Amino acid sequence: MDKRKILLVDDEADFRELMGVRIKGWGYDLIEASNGKEAIDAAMSKNPDIVILDYMMPEMDGVATLKEIRKIDKDLPVIMFTAYPDMKVQQDVKDLRVSAFIPKLSVFAEAQASLKNALRLVAKKLDEKGQKNG
């Protein structure tokens, strides 16, 4: 099976770089976007298998970006990073079917472990869905 393509969307270049190294190290192909518009373009043109999306971004935040991505693919798994994990964040995206919420911490170790677990769960669901359809 081909490697899964992960679209990583975050306005912080340092965070994208650090998480990108980890994601590639876990065996995924990486697509990067630094804002909502780039993410939407990548979702249309590069067909990612999973999107990792920052909640707080300038101009077009994660919620607005996710609404546009859902117009392209209503079933695309999305994992959302947020620096402020609270009920408001989860309420904002309740109807947009986010697969997992991960706190974005200044110490990346916990975020990396949470992301790895979330990616593993989402990939497993995709594999199960593929086996049912295949």
Protein backbone atom coordinates (compact mmCIF):
# COMPACT_ATOMS: atom_id res chain seq x y z
CA MET A 1 0.00 0.00 0.00
CA ASP A 2 1.19 3.54 -0.73
CA LYS A 3 2.20 5.77 2.13
CA ARG A 4 -0.56 7.97 3.51
CA LYS A 5 -0.32 11.65 2.64
CA ILE A 6 -0.65 14.02 5.57
CA LEU A 7 -1.52 17.68 5.02
CA LEU A 8 -0.04 19.71 7.89
CA VAL A 9 -1.55 23.20 8.16
CA ASP A 10 -0.03 25.70 10.58
CA ASP A 11 1.04 29.33 10.31
CA GLU A 12 4.09 28.75 12.54
CA ALA A 13 7.01 27.62 10.34
CA ASP A 14 8.99 26.26 13.32
CA PHE A 15 6.08 24.10 14.41
CA ARG A 16 5.52 22.82 10.85
CA GLU A 17 9.21 21.98 10.54
CA LEU A 18 9.37 20.12 13.85
CA MET A 19 6.13 18.21 13.35
CA GLY A 20 6.95 17.58 9.68
CA VAL A 21 10.17 15.82 10.63
CA ARG A 22 8.22 13.65 13.07
CA ILE A 23 5.43 12.86 10.59
CA LYS A 24 7.92 11.83 7.89
CA GLY A 25 9.83 9.82 10.48
CA TRP A 26 6.65 7.88 11.24
CA GLY A 27 6.46 6.87 7.57
CA TYR A 28 3.95 9.34 6.14
CA ASP A 29 4.33 11.60 3.12
CA LEU A 30 4.09 15.26 4.11
CA ILE A 31 2.25 18.12 2.42
CA GLU A 32 2.63 21.50 4.11
CA ALA A 33 0.43 24.58 4.10
CA SER A 34 1.06 27.79 6.04
CA ASN A 35 -2.50 29.16 5.90
CA GLY A 36 -6.09 28.28 5.14
CA LYS A 37 -5.97 29.17 1.45
CA GLU A 38 -2.90 26.99 0.86
CA ALA A 39 -4.63 24.18 2.77
CA ILE A 40 -7.74 24.38 0.60
CA ASP A 41 -5.62 24.40 -2.57
CA ALA A 42 -3.64 21.38 -1.31
CA ALA A 43 -6.83 19.53 -0.33
CA MET A 44 -8.09 19.98 -3.90
CA SER A 45 -4.88 19.29 -5.80
CA LYS A 46 -2.86 16.86 -3.68
CA ASN A 47 -5.57 14.56 -2.28
CA PRO A 48 -4.29 14.14 1.28
CA ASP A 49 -5.47 11.15 3.30
CA ILE A 50 -5.47 13.05 6.61
CA VAL A 51 -5.36 16.75 7.50
CA ILE A 52 -3.68 18.10 10.62
CA LEU A 53 -5.07 21.59 11.09
CA ASP A 54 -4.20 24.42 13.46
CA TYR A 55 -7.26 26.01 15.07
CA MET A 56 -5.78 29.51 15.48
CA MET A 57 -4.38 31.07 12.31
CA PRO A 58 -4.50 34.66 11.04
CA GLU A 59 -6.85 35.64 8.21
CA MET A 60 -8.59 32.25 7.83
CA ASP A 61 -8.75 30.25 11.06
CA GLY A 62 -9.01 26.48 11.33
CA VAL A 63 -12.81 26.49 11.52
CA ALA A 64 -13.21 28.52 8.30
CA THR A 65 -10.56 26.37 6.61
CA LEU A 66 -12.26 23.17 7.71
CA LYS A 67 -15.64 24.37 6.42
CA GLU A 68 -14.07 24.86 2.98
CA ILE A 69 -12.28 21.50 3.13
CA ARG A 70 -15.60 19.82 3.96
CA LYS A 71 -17.02 21.23 0.70
CA ILE A 72 -14.21 19.39 -1.11
CA ASP A 73 -14.31 16.15 0.89
CA LYS A 74 -16.88 15.59 3.61
CA ASP A 75 -15.18 12.40 4.85
CA LEU A 76 -11.52 13.50 4.95
CA PRO A 77 -10.17 12.77 8.44
CA VAL A 78 -9.07 15.93 10.25
CA ILE A 79 -6.98 16.19 13.40
CA MET A 80 -7.07 19.64 14.97
CA PHE A 81 -4.26 21.24 16.95
CA THR A 82 -5.15 23.98 19.37
CA ALA A 83 -3.09 26.01 21.80
CA TYR A 84 -6.26 26.55 23.85
CA PRO A 85 -8.06 23.20 24.20
CA ASP A 86 -11.44 23.94 25.70
CA MET A 87 -15.10 23.24 25.13
CA LYS A 88 -15.48 26.31 22.88
CA VAL A 89 -13.02 24.87 20.36
CA GLN A 90 -14.84 21.55 20.30
CA GLN A 91 -18.21 23.32 20.05
CA ASP A 92 -16.99 25.47 17.12
CA VAL A 93 -16.22 22.38 15.04
CA LYS A 94 -18.84 19.99 16.41
CA ASP A 95 -20.67 19.59 13.10
CA LEU A 96 -17.46 19.42 11.05
CA ARG A 97 -16.48 15.93 12.27
CA VAL A 98 -12.98 16.38 13.67
CA SER A 99 -11.32 12.99 14.32
CA ALA A 100 -9.18 14.20 17.24
CA PHE A 101 -8.21 17.33 19.17
CA ILE A 102 -4.61 17.69 20.27
CA PRO A 103 -3.32 20.39 22.62
CA LYS A 104 -0.52 22.36 21.01
CA LEU A 105 2.03 22.85 23.73
CA SER A 106 5.28 24.77 23.81
CA VAL A 107 6.87 21.52 24.96
CA PHE A 108 6.32 19.34 21.90
CA ALA A 109 6.80 15.90 23.45
CA GLU A 110 3.19 15.47 24.55
CA ALA A 111 1.86 16.91 21.30
CA GLN A 112 4.02 14.50 19.31
CA ALA A 113 2.84 11.47 21.27
CA SER A 114 -0.80 12.57 20.98
CA LEU A 115 -0.43 13.21 17.26
CA LYS A 116 1.23 9.85 16.65
CA ASN A 117 -1.62 8.08 18.46
CA ALA A 118 -4.29 10.08 16.60
CA LEU A 119 -2.63 9.37 13.23
CA ARG A 120 -2.42 5.67 14.04
CA LEU A 121 -6.14 5.55 14.95
CA VAL A 122 -7.24 7.49 11.87
CA ALA A 123 -5.03 5.40 9.55
CA LYS A 124 -6.46 2.22 11.09
CA LYS A 125 -10.01 3.43 10.41
CA LEU A 126 -9.05 4.28 6.83
CA ASP A 127 -7.53 0.80 6.40
CA GLU A 128 -10.68 -0.84 7.80
CA LYS A 129 -12.86 1.24 5.50
CA GLY A 130 -10.67 0.27 2.52
CA GLN A 131 -10.96 -3.42 3.38
CA LYS A 132 -14.75 -3.17 3.56
CA ASN A 133 -14.92 -1.36 0.22
CA GLY A 134 -12.23 -3.48 -1.44
